[in-house]
N, C-alpha and C. Protein backbone atom coordinates (compact mmCIF):
# COMPACT_ATOMS: atom_id res chain seq x y z
N MET A 1 113.88 133.41 78.00
CA MET A 1 114.31 134.34 79.03
C MET A 1 115.57 133.83 79.72
N SER A 2 115.67 132.52 79.95
CA SER A 2 116.86 132.00 80.64
C SER A 2 118.12 132.25 79.82
N LYS A 3 118.01 132.21 78.50
CA LYS A 3 119.16 132.49 77.64
C LYS A 3 119.61 133.94 77.83
N LEU A 4 118.66 134.84 77.86
CA LEU A 4 118.95 136.26 78.07
C LEU A 4 119.52 136.49 79.47
N ALA A 5 118.94 135.84 80.47
CA ALA A 5 119.37 136.03 81.86
C ALA A 5 120.80 135.55 82.09
N ASN A 6 121.22 134.56 81.35
CA ASN A 6 122.57 134.02 81.52
C ASN A 6 123.58 134.61 80.56
N GLY A 7 123.15 135.54 79.72
CA GLY A 7 124.02 136.11 78.71
C GLY A 7 124.69 137.40 79.16
N ASN A 8 125.22 138.11 78.18
CA ASN A 8 125.91 139.36 78.40
C ASN A 8 124.88 140.49 78.53
N HIS A 9 125.02 141.31 79.56
CA HIS A 9 124.04 142.37 79.84
C HIS A 9 124.59 143.77 79.59
N LYS A 10 125.75 143.90 78.98
CA LYS A 10 126.38 145.21 78.80
C LYS A 10 125.54 146.18 77.99
N ASN A 11 124.85 145.69 76.97
CA ASN A 11 124.11 146.58 76.06
C ASN A 11 122.64 146.72 76.41
N LEU A 12 122.24 146.22 77.56
CA LEU A 12 120.84 146.28 77.95
C LEU A 12 120.56 147.53 78.77
N GLY A 13 119.35 148.01 78.69
CA GLY A 13 118.95 149.17 79.47
C GLY A 13 118.50 148.78 80.87
N THR A 14 118.13 149.77 81.65
CA THR A 14 117.70 149.56 83.03
C THR A 14 116.50 148.64 83.12
N ASP A 15 115.49 148.87 82.29
CA ASP A 15 114.28 148.04 82.33
C ASP A 15 114.60 146.57 82.06
N GLU A 16 115.44 146.33 81.06
CA GLU A 16 115.80 144.96 80.73
C GLU A 16 116.57 144.30 81.86
N ASN A 17 117.51 145.05 82.44
CA ASN A 17 118.29 144.50 83.56
C ASN A 17 117.40 144.23 84.77
N ASN A 18 116.41 145.09 85.01
CA ASN A 18 115.48 144.85 86.11
C ASN A 18 114.67 143.58 85.87
N MET A 19 114.24 143.38 84.64
CA MET A 19 113.48 142.17 84.32
C MET A 19 114.33 140.92 84.55
N ILE A 20 115.59 140.97 84.18
CA ILE A 20 116.48 139.84 84.39
C ILE A 20 116.64 139.58 85.89
N THR A 21 116.78 140.64 86.66
CA THR A 21 116.91 140.50 88.12
C THR A 21 115.65 139.85 88.70
N TYR A 22 114.47 140.36 88.32
CA TYR A 22 113.21 139.78 88.80
C TYR A 22 113.10 138.30 88.40
N TYR A 23 113.49 137.99 87.18
CA TYR A 23 113.42 136.62 86.68
C TYR A 23 114.31 135.70 87.53
N LYS A 24 115.54 136.12 87.76
CA LYS A 24 116.47 135.30 88.55
C LYS A 24 115.96 135.14 89.99
N GLN A 25 115.42 136.20 90.56
CA GLN A 25 114.89 136.12 91.92
C GLN A 25 113.71 135.16 91.99
N ALA A 26 112.86 135.18 90.98
CA ALA A 26 111.70 134.29 90.97
C ALA A 26 112.11 132.83 90.87
N LEU A 27 113.24 132.56 90.26
CA LEU A 27 113.72 131.18 90.12
C LEU A 27 114.43 130.66 91.37
N ASP A 28 114.84 131.55 92.25
CA ASP A 28 115.60 131.15 93.44
C ASP A 28 114.64 130.67 94.53
N LYS A 29 114.12 129.45 94.36
CA LYS A 29 113.13 128.88 95.28
C LYS A 29 113.66 128.76 96.71
N GLU A 30 114.92 128.42 96.84
CA GLU A 30 115.51 128.27 98.18
C GLU A 30 115.44 129.58 98.96
N GLN A 31 115.84 130.67 98.30
CA GLN A 31 115.80 131.98 98.95
C GLN A 31 114.36 132.43 99.20
N LEU A 32 113.48 132.16 98.24
CA LEU A 32 112.08 132.53 98.41
C LEU A 32 111.47 131.81 99.62
N ASN A 33 111.74 130.54 99.75
CA ASN A 33 111.23 129.77 100.89
C ASN A 33 111.83 130.26 102.20
N LYS A 34 113.10 130.63 102.17
CA LYS A 34 113.78 131.13 103.37
C LYS A 34 113.16 132.46 103.83
N LEU A 35 112.90 133.35 102.87
CA LEU A 35 112.36 134.67 103.20
C LEU A 35 110.87 134.63 103.54
N GLY A 36 110.14 133.74 102.88
CA GLY A 36 108.70 133.69 103.11
C GLY A 36 108.08 135.04 102.80
N GLY A 37 107.18 135.51 103.65
CA GLY A 37 106.50 136.78 103.45
C GLY A 37 107.18 137.96 104.11
N LYS A 38 108.35 137.75 104.72
CA LYS A 38 109.02 138.85 105.45
C LYS A 38 109.23 140.12 104.62
N PRO A 39 109.67 140.03 103.36
CA PRO A 39 109.88 141.27 102.60
C PRO A 39 108.59 142.06 102.36
N LEU A 40 107.46 141.40 102.40
CA LEU A 40 106.19 142.09 102.17
C LEU A 40 105.61 142.72 103.43
N LYS A 41 106.07 142.30 104.58
CA LYS A 41 105.50 142.74 105.86
C LYS A 41 105.42 144.27 105.99
N PRO A 42 106.48 145.03 105.68
CA PRO A 42 106.37 146.49 105.81
C PRO A 42 105.27 147.08 104.91
N TYR A 43 105.11 146.54 103.70
CA TYR A 43 104.07 147.04 102.81
C TYR A 43 102.69 146.68 103.32
N LEU A 44 102.54 145.46 103.80
CA LEU A 44 101.25 145.04 104.34
C LEU A 44 100.88 145.87 105.56
N ASN A 45 101.87 146.18 106.39
CA ASN A 45 101.62 147.04 107.56
C ASN A 45 101.20 148.44 107.12
N SER A 46 101.88 148.97 106.10
CA SER A 46 101.52 150.30 105.58
C SER A 46 100.10 150.30 105.05
N ILE A 47 99.76 149.26 104.31
CA ILE A 47 98.41 149.16 103.75
C ILE A 47 97.38 149.04 104.86
N GLU A 48 97.70 148.26 105.87
CA GLU A 48 96.79 148.08 107.00
C GLU A 48 96.54 149.39 107.74
N ASN A 49 97.53 150.28 107.73
CA ASN A 49 97.42 151.55 108.44
C ASN A 49 96.67 152.62 107.65
N ILE A 50 96.32 152.34 106.41
CA ILE A 50 95.58 153.31 105.60
C ILE A 50 94.13 153.32 106.07
N LYS A 51 93.70 154.46 106.56
CA LYS A 51 92.34 154.60 107.09
C LYS A 51 91.46 155.54 106.27
N ASN A 52 92.10 156.36 105.42
CA ASN A 52 91.33 157.33 104.63
C ASN A 52 92.10 157.68 103.36
N LYS A 53 91.51 158.52 102.55
CA LYS A 53 92.11 158.89 101.27
C LYS A 53 93.47 159.57 101.46
N ASN A 54 93.59 160.41 102.47
CA ASN A 54 94.84 161.12 102.73
C ASN A 54 95.96 160.14 103.10
N ASP A 55 95.65 159.15 103.94
CA ASP A 55 96.64 158.12 104.29
C ASP A 55 97.09 157.36 103.04
N TYR A 56 96.12 157.06 102.17
CA TYR A 56 96.42 156.34 100.93
C TYR A 56 97.37 157.15 100.05
N LEU A 57 97.04 158.42 99.85
CA LEU A 57 97.88 159.27 99.01
C LEU A 57 99.27 159.43 99.59
N ASN A 58 99.37 159.57 100.91
CA ASN A 58 100.68 159.68 101.56
C ASN A 58 101.50 158.40 101.40
N ALA A 59 100.85 157.24 101.50
CA ALA A 59 101.55 155.96 101.34
C ALA A 59 102.08 155.84 99.91
N ILE A 60 101.25 156.14 98.93
CA ILE A 60 101.67 156.07 97.52
C ILE A 60 102.82 157.03 97.26
N ARG A 61 102.71 158.24 97.77
CA ARG A 61 103.77 159.25 97.60
C ARG A 61 105.08 158.75 98.20
N LYS A 62 105.02 158.20 99.41
CA LYS A 62 106.22 157.70 100.10
C LYS A 62 106.85 156.56 99.29
N TRP A 63 106.04 155.62 98.83
CA TRP A 63 106.58 154.49 98.06
C TRP A 63 107.21 154.96 96.76
N ASN A 64 106.60 155.94 96.11
CA ASN A 64 107.16 156.47 94.87
C ASN A 64 108.48 157.18 95.11
N ILE A 65 108.57 157.97 96.18
CA ILE A 65 109.81 158.66 96.52
C ILE A 65 110.92 157.66 96.79
N GLU A 66 110.57 156.57 97.46
CA GLU A 66 111.56 155.52 97.78
C GLU A 66 111.86 154.62 96.59
N GLY A 67 111.17 154.84 95.47
CA GLY A 67 111.38 154.00 94.30
C GLY A 67 110.74 152.63 94.44
N LYS A 68 109.75 152.52 95.32
CA LYS A 68 109.11 151.23 95.58
C LYS A 68 107.63 151.24 95.22
N GLY A 69 107.22 152.26 94.49
CA GLY A 69 105.82 152.37 94.11
C GLY A 69 105.48 151.44 92.97
N ILE A 70 104.23 151.44 92.59
CA ILE A 70 103.76 150.57 91.52
C ILE A 70 104.49 150.85 90.22
N GLN A 71 104.97 152.08 90.02
CA GLN A 71 105.70 152.41 88.81
C GLN A 71 107.06 151.71 88.76
N ALA A 72 107.54 151.23 89.90
CA ALA A 72 108.82 150.52 89.94
C ALA A 72 108.67 149.05 89.59
N MET A 73 107.46 148.59 89.42
CA MET A 73 107.22 147.18 89.14
C MET A 73 107.44 146.89 87.66
N PRO A 74 107.77 145.64 87.33
CA PRO A 74 108.01 145.30 85.93
C PRO A 74 106.71 145.04 85.15
N PHE A 75 105.59 145.32 85.77
CA PHE A 75 104.30 145.12 85.12
C PHE A 75 103.38 146.24 85.56
N ASN A 76 102.24 146.34 84.94
CA ASN A 76 101.34 147.45 85.22
C ASN A 76 99.93 146.93 85.48
N PHE A 77 99.24 147.56 86.39
CA PHE A 77 97.84 147.27 86.64
C PHE A 77 97.05 148.39 85.97
N ASP A 78 96.14 148.03 85.10
CA ASP A 78 95.45 149.06 84.35
C ASP A 78 94.10 148.53 83.89
N VAL A 79 93.13 149.38 83.87
CA VAL A 79 91.81 149.04 83.31
C VAL A 79 91.57 150.00 82.16
N THR A 80 91.28 149.44 81.00
CA THR A 80 91.06 150.25 79.80
C THR A 80 89.82 149.75 79.07
N ALA A 81 89.38 150.53 78.10
CA ALA A 81 88.25 150.10 77.27
C ALA A 81 88.70 148.94 76.40
N ASP A 82 87.84 147.96 76.26
CA ASP A 82 88.09 146.83 75.38
C ASP A 82 88.18 147.36 73.95
N THR A 83 89.20 146.96 73.20
CA THR A 83 89.39 147.49 71.85
C THR A 83 88.31 147.03 70.88
N LEU A 84 87.64 145.92 71.18
CA LEU A 84 86.58 145.43 70.30
C LEU A 84 85.19 145.89 70.72
N ASN A 85 85.07 146.31 71.99
CA ASN A 85 83.77 146.74 72.50
C ASN A 85 84.01 147.80 73.56
N SER A 86 83.86 149.07 73.20
CA SER A 86 84.20 150.18 74.10
C SER A 86 83.30 150.25 75.34
N LYS A 87 82.20 149.48 75.35
CA LYS A 87 81.33 149.46 76.53
C LYS A 87 81.85 148.50 77.59
N LYS A 88 82.84 147.70 77.24
CA LYS A 88 83.45 146.75 78.16
C LYS A 88 84.81 147.25 78.60
N LYS A 89 85.22 146.85 79.76
CA LYS A 89 86.54 147.19 80.29
C LYS A 89 87.38 145.92 80.34
N SER A 90 88.69 146.08 80.20
CA SER A 90 89.59 144.94 80.32
C SER A 90 90.81 145.36 81.12
N CYS A 91 91.50 144.39 81.66
CA CYS A 91 92.70 144.64 82.46
C CYS A 91 93.94 144.25 81.68
């Protein structure tokens, strides 16, 4: 990944460029330590204010409109049937 992150990005798509950005940010320990949990505070406050299903749906809708929803993440949270045993679930 470090080879890709330090290389030429002209021919890469949006998803690839986002992954490189996330990778570089994760490596910047100095900035991470400086920021601490501050960038998460607005999300944690939003989550704390969710009291019912309607609040939850409104929060998800707002984050998606702002491009900050779970779909904007470079990974996915999902539960599916285990391919070897359909009675089991896997993440």
